[in-house]
Amino acid sequence: MHRPRKRFGQHFLHDRNVIDRILRAIDPQPGQNLLEIGPGQGALTYPLLQRCDRLIAIELDRDLVPILEQHAAGLGQLEVINADILKFELRSIATREKFRLVGNLPYNISTPLMFHLLESSRLIEDMHFMVQKEVAQRIVAGAGDASYGRLSVMLQFHCNCQYLFDVAPGCFKPPPKVDSAVIRLIPLENPAQNIDDYARFSSIVQSAFSQRRKTISNSLKSILDRETIKACGIDPGLRAENLDIADFAKLSRALN
């Protein structure tokens, strides 16, 4: 019996109803290029494999690799890669078909993982992830919402972000101390806004939210002056949480 390891942030999904809801949301089909992040004990792995015949899984805990391979025998073609997804490059296994990503993400890496995956968004068709409910709320939040922040802006710049449903702690073993939620992210063919320079756009968003209680004229004073902010049609007295993606794009273009 494999015991969940705290250092890997392991909380294994076991609720059959939740598993079925996730499968319906993904709607996997034979021949699709599915990749599961953190398969754990295979709660999603095996039913996914039965539906799509072929699956790649990336698992950090090497002790789980032989267990997954053994139980997958006869269900389809499972390739388990023992690797740290935060250091793994999708392009190393890229094919003609875009990846459909699935995963019950460890809470301690979900945000940095999102930013890591954005670097490979051109290789991804869609992503269905279980994350901490608070993170899910941040991802879909709009300007003016309490949860709105850098993660909201950067993910919505790249993706159509959808909040699907909540998942209670009791659906996992061991149960986490927080609620979870399932989200769907669909990378956009073209970014949500024209920004000219992505690095500059990213820097402005990061600077604005790094001191989110300050007005943008103060948080961005080393980058943009008040008059330039005004010329963009934006009140310098606003805070970052009041600016939408289009506003950040205007500020980025103003730096050109």
C-alpha atoms as a PDB file:
ATOM      1  CA  MET A   1       0.000   0.000   0.000  1.00  0.00           C
ATOM      2  CA  HIS A   2       1.453   3.348  -1.077  1.00  0.00           C
ATOM      3  CA  ARG A   3       1.170   5.986   1.632  1.00  0.00           C
ATOM      4  CA  PRO A   4       0.564   9.592   0.500  1.00  0.00           C
ATOM      5  CA  ARG A   5       3.717  11.666   0.906  1.00  0.00           C
ATOM      6  CA  LYS A   6       3.447  15.133   2.308  1.00  0.00           C
ATOM      7  CA  ARG A   7       6.572  16.378   0.561  1.00  0.00           C
ATOM      8  CA  PHE A   8       4.915  15.674  -2.792  1.00  0.00           C
ATOM      9  CA  GLY A   9       1.641  17.293  -1.721  1.00  0.00           C
ATOM     10  CA  GLN A  10      -0.189  14.025  -2.368  1.00  0.00           C
ATOM     11  CA  HIS A  11      -3.970  13.901  -1.855  1.00  0.00           C
ATOM     12  CA  PHE A  12      -5.400  11.016  -3.846  1.00  0.00           C
ATOM     13  CA  LEU A  13      -8.818  11.444  -5.432  1.00  0.00           C
ATOM     14  CA  HIS A  14     -11.187   8.541  -4.723  1.00  0.00           C
ATOM     15  CA  ASP A  15     -14.764   9.812  -5.156  1.00  0.00           C
ATOM     16  CA  ARG A  16     -16.360   8.002  -8.103  1.00  0.00           C
ATOM     17  CA  ASN A  17     -18.912  10.742  -8.807  1.00  0.00           C
ATOM     18  CA  VAL A  18     -16.206  13.416  -9.023  1.00  0.00           C
ATOM     19  CA  ILE A  19     -14.076  11.205 -11.263  1.00  0.00           C
ATOM     20  CA  ASP A  20     -17.054  10.706 -13.602  1.00  0.00           C
ATOM     21  CA  ARG A  21     -17.736  14.472 -13.699  1.00  0.00           C
ATOM     22  CA  ILE A  22     -14.120  15.158 -14.631  1.00  0.00           C
ATOM     23  CA  LEU A  23     -14.231  12.513 -17.357  1.00  0.00           C
ATOM     24  CA  ARG A  24     -17.410  14.034 -18.789  1.00  0.00           C
ATOM     25  CA  ALA A  25     -15.776  17.483 -18.779  1.00  0.00           C
ATOM     26  CA  ILE A  26     -12.697  16.174 -20.601  1.00  0.00           C
ATOM     27  CA  ASP A  27     -14.626  13.867 -22.961  1.00  0.00           C
ATOM     28  CA  PRO A  28     -11.470  11.982 -24.029  1.00  0.00           C
ATOM     29  CA  GLN A  29     -11.540  10.280 -27.434  1.00  0.00           C
ATOM     30  CA  PRO A  30      -9.402   7.536 -28.994  1.00  0.00           C
ATOM     31  CA  GLY A  31      -6.361   8.905 -30.794  1.00  0.00           C
ATOM     32  CA  GLN A  32      -6.145  12.146 -28.815  1.00  0.00           C
ATOM     33  CA  ASN A  33      -2.796  13.165 -27.357  1.00  0.00           C
ATOM     34  CA  LEU A  34      -3.584  13.079 -23.625  1.00  0.00           C
ATOM     35  CA  LEU A  35      -1.004  13.822 -20.950  1.00  0.00           C
ATOM     36  CA  GLU A  36      -1.746  13.495 -17.237  1.00  0.00           C
ATOM     37  CA  ILE A  37       0.239  15.447 -14.653  1.00  0.00           C
ATOM     38  CA  GLY A  38       0.619  13.714 -11.290  1.00  0.00           C
ATOM     39  CA  PRO A  39      -1.430  10.533 -11.847  1.00  0.00           C
ATOM     40  CA  GLY A  40      -0.930   9.437  -8.242  1.00  0.00           C
ATOM     41  CA  GLN A  41      -2.648   6.091  -7.697  1.00  0.00           C
ATOM     42  CA  GLY A  42      -4.408   6.212 -11.057  1.00  0.00           C
ATOM     43  CA  ALA A  43      -7.927   7.364 -10.111  1.00  0.00           C
ATOM     44  CA  LEU A  44      -8.146   9.274 -13.409  1.00  0.00           C
ATOM     45  CA  THR A  45      -5.402   7.413 -15.261  1.00  0.00           C
ATOM     46  CA  TYR A  46      -7.164   4.089 -15.715  1.00  0.00           C
ATOM     47  CA  PRO A  47     -10.573   5.395 -16.841  1.00  0.00           C
ATOM     48  CA  LEU A  48      -8.824   7.855 -19.177  1.00  0.00           C
ATOM     49  CA  LEU A  49      -6.786   5.021 -20.638  1.00  0.00           C
ATOM     50  CA  GLN A  50      -9.890   2.920 -21.205  1.00  0.00           C
ATOM     51  CA  ARG A  51     -11.442   5.751 -23.208  1.00  0.00           C
ATOM     52  CA  CYS A  52      -8.479   6.978 -25.249  1.00  0.00           C
ATOM     53  CA  ASP A  53      -6.290   3.815 -25.568  1.00  0.00           C
ATOM     54  CA  ARG A  54      -3.055   5.783 -25.146  1.00  0.00           C
ATOM     55  CA  LEU A  55      -1.857   8.089 -22.368  1.00  0.00           C
ATOM     56  CA  ILE A  56       1.347   9.736 -21.201  1.00  0.00           C
ATOM     57  CA  ALA A  57       1.647  10.414 -17.467  1.00  0.00           C
ATOM     58  CA  ILE A  58       4.303  12.462 -15.673  1.00  0.00           C
ATOM     59  CA  GLU A  59       4.838  11.373 -12.071  1.00  0.00           C
ATOM     60  CA  LEU A  60       7.454  12.698  -9.629  1.00  0.00           C
ATOM     61  CA  ASP A  61       7.118   9.865  -7.080  1.00  0.00           C
ATOM     62  CA  ARG A  62       9.168   7.036  -8.597  1.00  0.00           C
ATOM     63  CA  ASP A  63       7.580   4.467  -6.274  1.00  0.00           C
ATOM     64  CA  LEU A  64       4.250   5.021  -8.026  1.00  0.00           C
ATOM     65  CA  VAL A  65       5.613   4.314 -11.509  1.00  0.00           C
ATOM     66  CA  PRO A  66       5.629   0.470 -11.324  1.00  0.00           C
ATOM     67  CA  ILE A  67       2.231   0.489  -9.575  1.00  0.00           C
ATOM     68  CA  LEU A  68       0.694   2.542 -12.378  1.00  0.00           C
ATOM     69  CA  GLU A  69       2.289   0.418 -15.090  1.00  0.00           C
ATOM     70  CA  GLN A  70       1.150  -2.814 -13.454  1.00  0.00           C
ATOM     71  CA  HIS A  71      -2.479  -1.768 -13.000  1.00  0.00           C
ATOM     72  CA  ALA A  72      -2.671  -0.272 -16.500  1.00  0.00           C
ATOM     73  CA  ALA A  73      -1.782  -3.571 -18.155  1.00  0.00           C
ATOM     74  CA  GLY A  74      -4.544  -4.554 -20.549  1.00  0.00           C
ATOM     75  CA  LEU A  75      -6.275  -1.171 -20.456  1.00  0.00           C
ATOM     76  CA  GLY A  76      -4.227   0.540 -23.147  1.00  0.00           C
ATOM     77  CA  GLN A  77      -0.802   2.002 -23.829  1.00  0.00           C
ATOM     78  CA  LEU A  78       0.461   3.911 -20.779  1.00  0.00           C
ATOM     79  CA  GLU A  79       3.825   5.661 -20.774  1.00  0.00           C
ATOM     80  CA  VAL A  80       4.859   6.904 -17.328  1.00  0.00           C
ATOM     81  CA  ILE A  81       7.676   9.458 -17.234  1.00  0.00           C
ATOM     82  CA  ASN A  82       9.338   9.862 -13.839  1.00  0.00           C
ATOM     83  CA  ALA A  83      10.057  13.611 -13.838  1.00  0.00           C
ATOM     84  CA  ASP A  84       9.412  16.932 -12.129  1.00  0.00           C
ATOM     85  CA  ILE A  85       6.786  18.662 -14.265  1.00  0.00           C
ATOM     86  CA  LEU A  86       8.145  22.084 -13.230  1.00  0.00           C
ATOM     87  CA  LYS A  87      11.396  21.196 -15.015  1.00  0.00           C
ATOM     88  CA  PHE A  88       9.885  19.126 -17.816  1.00  0.00           C
ATOM     89  CA  GLU A  89       9.631  20.568 -21.326  1.00  0.00           C
ATOM     90  CA  LEU A  90       6.626  19.508 -23.389  1.00  0.00           C
ATOM     91  CA  ARG A  91       8.554  20.077 -26.569  1.00  0.00           C
ATOM     92  CA  SER A  92      10.786  17.117 -25.645  1.00  0.00           C
ATOM     93  CA  ILE A  93       7.859  14.770 -26.387  1.00  0.00           C
ATOM     94  CA  ALA A  94       5.911  16.975 -28.809  1.00  0.00           C
ATOM     95  CA  THR A  95       4.111  15.388 -31.766  1.00  0.00           C
ATOM     96  CA  ARG A  96       1.943  16.753 -34.576  1.00  0.00           C
ATOM     97  CA  GLU A  97      -1.098  16.568 -32.332  1.00  0.00           C
ATOM     98  CA  LYS A  98      -1.484  19.145 -29.582  1.00  0.00           C
ATOM     99  CA  PHE A  99      -1.556  17.929 -25.986  1.00  0.00           C
ATOM    100  CA  ARG A 100      -4.696  17.689 -23.896  1.00  0.00           C
ATOM    101  CA  LEU A 101      -3.451  18.136 -20.322  1.00  0.00           C
ATOM    102  CA  VAL A 102      -5.175  16.657 -17.285  1.00  0.00           C
ATOM    103  CA  GLY A 103      -4.176  16.656 -13.648  1.00  0.00           C
ATOM    104  CA  ASN A 104      -4.977  16.790  -9.959  1.00  0.00           C
ATOM    105  CA  LEU A 105      -2.259  19.344  -9.253  1.00  0.00           C
ATOM    106  CA  PRO A 106      -0.371  19.468  -5.941  1.00  0.00           C
ATOM    107  CA  TYR A 107      -1.455  22.733  -4.301  1.00  0.00           C
ATOM    108  CA  ASN A 108       2.108  23.816  -3.555  1.00  0.00           C
ATOM    109  CA  ILE A 109       3.084  23.922  -7.262  1.00  0.00           C
ATOM    110  CA  SER A 110      -0.143  24.831  -9.063  1.00  0.00           C
ATOM    111  CA  THR A 111       0.614  28.539  -9.605  1.00  0.00           C
ATOM    112  CA  PRO A 112       4.257  28.183 -10.730  1.00  0.00           C
ATOM    113  CA  LEU A 113       3.173  25.254 -12.905  1.00  0.00           C
ATOM    114  CA  MET A 114       0.594  27.408 -14.686  1.00  0.00           C
ATOM    115  CA  PHE A 115       3.274  29.944 -15.598  1.00  0.00           C
ATOM    116  CA  HIS A 116       5.602  27.140 -16.705  1.00  0.00           C
ATOM    117  CA  LEU A 117       2.941  25.645 -18.981  1.00  0.00           C
ATOM    118  CA  LEU A 118       2.172  29.046 -20.542  1.00  0.00           C
ATOM    119  CA  GLU A 119       5.618  28.856 -22.136  1.00  0.00           C
ATOM    120  CA  SER A 120       4.371  25.849 -24.133  1.00  0.00           C
ATOM    121  CA  SER A 121       0.825  27.069 -24.814  1.00  0.00           C
ATOM    122  CA  ARG A 122       1.292  26.627 -28.585  1.00  0.00           C
ATOM    123  CA  LEU A 123       1.609  22.868 -27.976  1.00  0.00           C
ATOM    124  CA  ILE A 124      -1.552  22.608 -25.857  1.00  0.00           C
ATOM    125  CA  GLU A 125      -5.147  22.123 -27.002  1.00  0.00           C
ATOM    126  CA  ASP A 126      -6.723  22.381 -23.557  1.00  0.00           C
ATOM    127  CA  MET A 127      -6.101  21.781 -19.850  1.00  0.00           C
ATOM    128  CA  HIS A 128      -8.406  20.324 -17.205  1.00  0.00           C
ATOM    129  CA  PHE A 129      -6.966  20.714 -13.729  1.00  0.00           C
ATOM    130  CA  MET A 130      -8.021  20.166 -10.154  1.00  0.00           C
ATOM    131  CA  VAL A 131      -6.607  23.007  -8.048  1.00  0.00           C
ATOM    132  CA  GLN A 132      -7.220  24.676  -4.720  1.00  0.00           C
ATOM    133  CA  LYS A 133     -10.555  26.518  -4.898  1.00  0.00           C
ATOM    134  CA  GLU A 134      -8.897  29.817  -4.017  1.00  0.00           C
ATOM    135  CA  VAL A 135      -6.511  29.439  -6.966  1.00  0.00           C
ATOM    136  CA  ALA A 136      -9.405  28.579  -9.303  1.00  0.00           C
ATOM    137  CA  GLN A 137     -11.230  31.728  -8.186  1.00  0.00           C
ATOM    138  CA  ARG A 138      -8.136  33.819  -8.849  1.00  0.00           C
ATOM    139  CA  ILE A 139      -7.731  32.371 -12.320  1.00  0.00           C
ATOM    140  CA  VAL A 140     -11.246  33.321 -13.489  1.00  0.00           C
ATOM    141  CA  ALA A 141     -11.592  36.590 -11.523  1.00  0.00           C
ATOM    142  CA  GLY A 142     -12.308  39.829 -13.370  1.00  0.00           C
ATOM    143  CA  ALA A 143     -11.093  43.376 -12.681  1.00  0.00           C
ATOM    144  CA  GLY A 144     -12.566  44.663  -9.439  1.00  0.00           C
ATOM    145  CA  ASP A 145     -13.006  41.196  -7.894  1.00  0.00           C
ATOM    146  CA  ALA A 146     -11.287  40.492  -4.591  1.00  0.00           C
ATOM    147  CA  SER A 147      -9.486  37.476  -6.113  1.00  0.00           C
ATOM    148  CA  TYR A 148      -8.247  39.365  -9.188  1.00  0.00           C
ATOM    149  CA  GLY A 149      -4.478  39.534  -9.554  1.00  0.00           C
ATOM    150  CA  ARG A 150      -1.429  38.758 -11.658  1.00  0.00           C
ATOM    151  CA  LEU A 151      -2.469  35.125 -12.169  1.00  0.00           C
ATOM    152  CA  SER A 152      -5.873  36.262 -13.473  1.00  0.00           C
ATOM    153  CA  VAL A 153      -4.381  38.676 -16.001  1.00  0.00           C
ATOM    154  CA  MET A 154      -1.621  36.427 -17.304  1.00  0.00           C
ATOM    155  CA  LEU A 155      -3.750  33.303 -17.693  1.00  0.00           C
ATOM    156  CA  GLN A 156      -6.679  35.172 -19.254  1.00  0.00           C
ATOM    157  CA  PHE A 157      -4.243  36.848 -21.657  1.00  0.00           C
ATOM    158  CA  HIS A 158      -3.298  33.384 -22.947  1.00  0.00           C
ATOM    159  CA  CYS A 159      -6.411  31.289 -22.336  1.00  0.00           C
ATOM    160  CA  ASN A 160     -10.166  31.045 -22.168  1.00  0.00           C
ATOM    161  CA  CYS A 161     -10.509  30.244 -18.447  1.00  0.00           C
ATOM    162  CA  GLN A 162     -13.557  28.358 -17.156  1.00  0.00           C
ATOM    163  CA  TYR A 163     -14.514  27.414 -13.591  1.00  0.00           C
ATOM    164  CA  LEU A 164     -16.310  24.056 -13.838  1.00  0.00           C
ATOM    165  CA  PHE A 165     -17.234  22.771 -10.355  1.00  0.00           C
ATOM    166  CA  ASP A 166     -16.224  22.488  -6.695  1.00  0.00           C
ATOM    167  CA  VAL A 167     -14.761  19.397  -5.041  1.00  0.00           C
ATOM    168  CA  ALA A 168     -15.022  18.817  -1.278  1.00  0.00           C
ATOM    169  CA  PRO A 169     -12.053  17.708   0.888  1.00  0.00           C
ATOM    170  CA  GLY A 170     -13.704  14.355   1.643  1.00  0.00           C
ATOM    171  CA  CYS A 171     -13.256  13.296  -1.992  1.00  0.00           C
ATOM    172  CA  PHE A 172      -9.520  12.802  -1.320  1.00  0.00           C
ATOM    173  CA  LYS A 173      -7.345  10.571   0.833  1.00  0.00           C
ATOM    174  CA  PRO A 174      -6.044  12.116   2.968  1.00  0.00           C
ATOM    175  CA  PRO A 175      -8.534  15.007   2.832  1.00  0.00           C
ATOM    176  CA  PRO A 176      -6.845  18.400   2.314  1.00  0.00           C
ATOM    177  CA  LYS A 177      -7.646  21.296   4.642  1.00  0.00           C
ATOM    178  CA  VAL A 178      -9.111  23.350   1.792  1.00  0.00           C
ATOM    179  CA  ASP A 179     -11.784  22.998  -0.883  1.00  0.00           C
ATOM    180  CA  SER A 180     -10.802  22.239  -4.468  1.00  0.00           C
ATOM    181  CA  ALA A 181     -12.223  23.056  -7.882  1.00  0.00           C
ATOM    182  CA  VAL A 182     -11.918  21.806 -11.452  1.00  0.00           C
ATOM    183  CA  ILE A 183     -11.030  24.338 -14.139  1.00  0.00           C
ATOM    184  CA  ARG A 184     -10.722  24.278 -17.924  1.00  0.00           C
ATOM    185  CA  LEU A 185      -8.112  26.370 -19.735  1.00  0.00           C
ATOM    186  CA  ILE A 186      -8.185  26.639 -23.530  1.00  0.00           C
ATOM    187  CA  PRO A 187      -5.170  28.438 -25.048  1.00  0.00           C
ATOM    188  CA  LEU A 188      -6.205  31.188 -27.451  1.00  0.00           C
ATOM    189  CA  GLU A 189      -5.050  31.094 -31.066  1.00  0.00           C
ATOM    190  CA  ASN A 190      -4.074  34.742 -30.641  1.00  0.00           C
ATOM    191  CA  PRO A 191      -3.455  36.640 -27.359  1.00  0.00           C
ATOM    192  CA  ALA A 192      -6.417  38.480 -25.853  1.00  0.00           C
ATOM    193  CA  GLN A 193      -4.763  41.851 -26.568  1.00  0.00           C
ATOM    194  CA  ASN A 194      -2.137  43.352 -28.848  1.00  0.00           C
ATOM    195  CA  ILE A 195       0.831  44.189 -26.628  1.00  0.00           C
ATOM    196  CA  ASP A 196       3.843  44.365 -29.021  1.00  0.00           C
ATOM    197  CA  ASP A 197       6.262  43.042 -26.379  1.00  0.00           C
ATOM    198  CA  TYR A 198       5.287  40.186 -24.055  1.00  0.00           C
ATOM    199  CA  ALA A 199       8.208  40.631 -21.638  1.00  0.00           C
ATOM    200  CA  ARG A 200       7.276  44.285 -21.154  1.00  0.00           C
ATOM    201  CA  PHE A 201       3.603  43.430 -20.638  1.00  0.00           C
ATOM    202  CA  SER A 202       4.508  40.753 -18.082  1.00  0.00           C
ATOM    203  CA  SER A 203       6.817  43.143 -16.241  1.00  0.00           C
ATOM    204  CA  ILE A 204       4.124  45.831 -15.977  1.00  0.00           C
ATOM    205  CA  VAL A 205       1.547  43.374 -14.635  1.00  0.00           C
ATOM    206  CA  GLN A 206       4.016  41.975 -12.111  1.00  0.00           C
ATOM    207  CA  SER A 207       5.079  45.432 -10.933  1.00  0.00           C
ATOM    208  CA  ALA A 208       1.497  46.651 -10.621  1.00  0.00           C
ATOM    209  CA  PHE A 209       0.395  43.719  -8.448  1.00  0.00           C
ATOM    210  CA  SER A 210       3.582  43.442  -6.387  1.00  0.00           C
ATOM    211  CA  GLN A 211       2.352  46.483  -4.411  1.00  0.00           C
ATOM    212  CA  ARG A 212      -1.357  46.076  -5.006  1.00  0.00           C
ATOM    213  CA  ARG A 213      -2.445  48.449  -2.216  1.00  0.00           C
ATOM    214  CA  LYS A 214      -0.648  51.314  -3.939  1.00  0.00           C
ATOM    215  CA  THR A 215      -2.031  53.324  -6.838  1.00  0.00           C
ATOM    216  CA  ILE A 216      -0.620  52.393 -10.228  1.00  0.00           C
ATOM    217  CA  SER A 217       1.123  55.754 -10.485  1.00  0.00           C
ATOM    218  CA  ASN A 218       3.144  54.714  -7.422  1.00  0.00           C
ATOM    219  CA  SER A 219       3.633  51.025  -8.201  1.00  0.00           C
ATOM    220  CA  LEU A 220       4.687  51.813 -11.790  1.00  0.00           C
ATOM    221  CA  LYS A 221       6.569  55.064 -11.156  1.00  0.00           C
ATOM    222  CA  SER A 222       9.916  53.532 -12.146  1.00  0.00           C
ATOM    223  CA  ILE A 223       8.378  52.455 -15.466  1.00  0.00           C
ATOM    224  CA  LEU A 224       5.681  54.994 -16.426  1.00  0.00           C
ATOM    225  CA  ASP A 225       4.953  58.557 -15.325  1.00  0.00           C
ATOM    226  CA  ARG A 226       1.489  59.882 -14.440  1.00  0.00           C
ATOM    227  CA  GLU A 227       1.078  61.771 -17.692  1.00  0.00           C
ATOM    228  CA  THR A 228       1.759  58.671 -19.778  1.00  0.00           C
ATOM    229  CA  ILE A 229      -0.764  56.691 -17.717  1.00  0.00           C
ATOM    230  CA  LYS A 230      -3.324  59.483 -18.217  1.00  0.00           C
ATOM    231  CA  ALA A 231      -2.613  59.518 -21.948  1.00  0.00           C
ATOM    232  CA  CYS A 232      -3.678  55.858 -22.019  1.00  0.00           C
ATOM    233  CA  GLY A 233      -7.093  56.908 -20.720  1.00  0.00           C
ATOM    234  CA  ILE A 234      -6.396  55.392 -17.305  1.00  0.00           C
ATOM    235  CA  ASP A 235      -6.770  57.147 -13.957  1.00  0.00           C
ATOM    236  CA  PRO A 236      -3.325  57.109 -12.230  1.00  0.00           C
ATOM    237  CA  GLY A 237      -5.144  56.972  -8.883  1.00  0.00           C
ATOM    238  CA  LEU A 238      -6.557  53.507  -9.575  1.00  0.00           C
ATOM    239  CA  ARG A 239      -5.070  50.342  -8.120  1.00  0.00           C
ATOM    240  CA  ALA A 240      -3.941  47.360 -10.162  1.00  0.00           C
ATOM    241  CA  GLU A 241      -7.060  45.389  -9.198  1.00  0.00           C
ATOM    242  CA  ASN A 242      -9.200  47.980 -11.052  1.00  0.00           C
ATOM    243  CA  LEU A 243      -7.417  47.574 -14.398  1.00  0.00           C
ATOM    244  CA  ASP A 244      -8.509  44.972 -16.938  1.00  0.00           C
ATOM    245  CA  ILE A 245      -6.313  43.212 -19.481  1.00  0.00           C
ATOM    246  CA  ALA A 246      -6.975  45.888 -22.104  1.00  0.00           C
ATOM    247  CA  ASP A 247      -5.709  48.557 -19.676  1.00  0.00           C
ATOM    248  CA  PHE A 248      -2.484  46.651 -19.026  1.00  0.00           C
ATOM    249  CA  ALA A 249      -2.052  46.223 -22.785  1.00  0.00           C
ATOM    250  CA  LYS A 250      -2.391  50.017 -23.261  1.00  0.00           C
ATOM    251  CA  LEU A 251       0.286  50.629 -20.626  1.00  0.00           C
ATOM    252  CA  SER A 252       2.565  48.078 -22.279  1.00  0.00           C
ATOM    253  CA  ARG A 253       2.180  49.706 -25.698  1.00  0.00           C
ATOM    254  CA  ALA A 254       2.818  53.116 -24.162  1.00  0.00           C
ATOM    255  CA  LEU A 255       6.289  51.931 -23.154  1.00  0.00           C
ATOM    256  CA  ASN A 256       7.207  51.265 -26.774  1.00  0.00           C
END
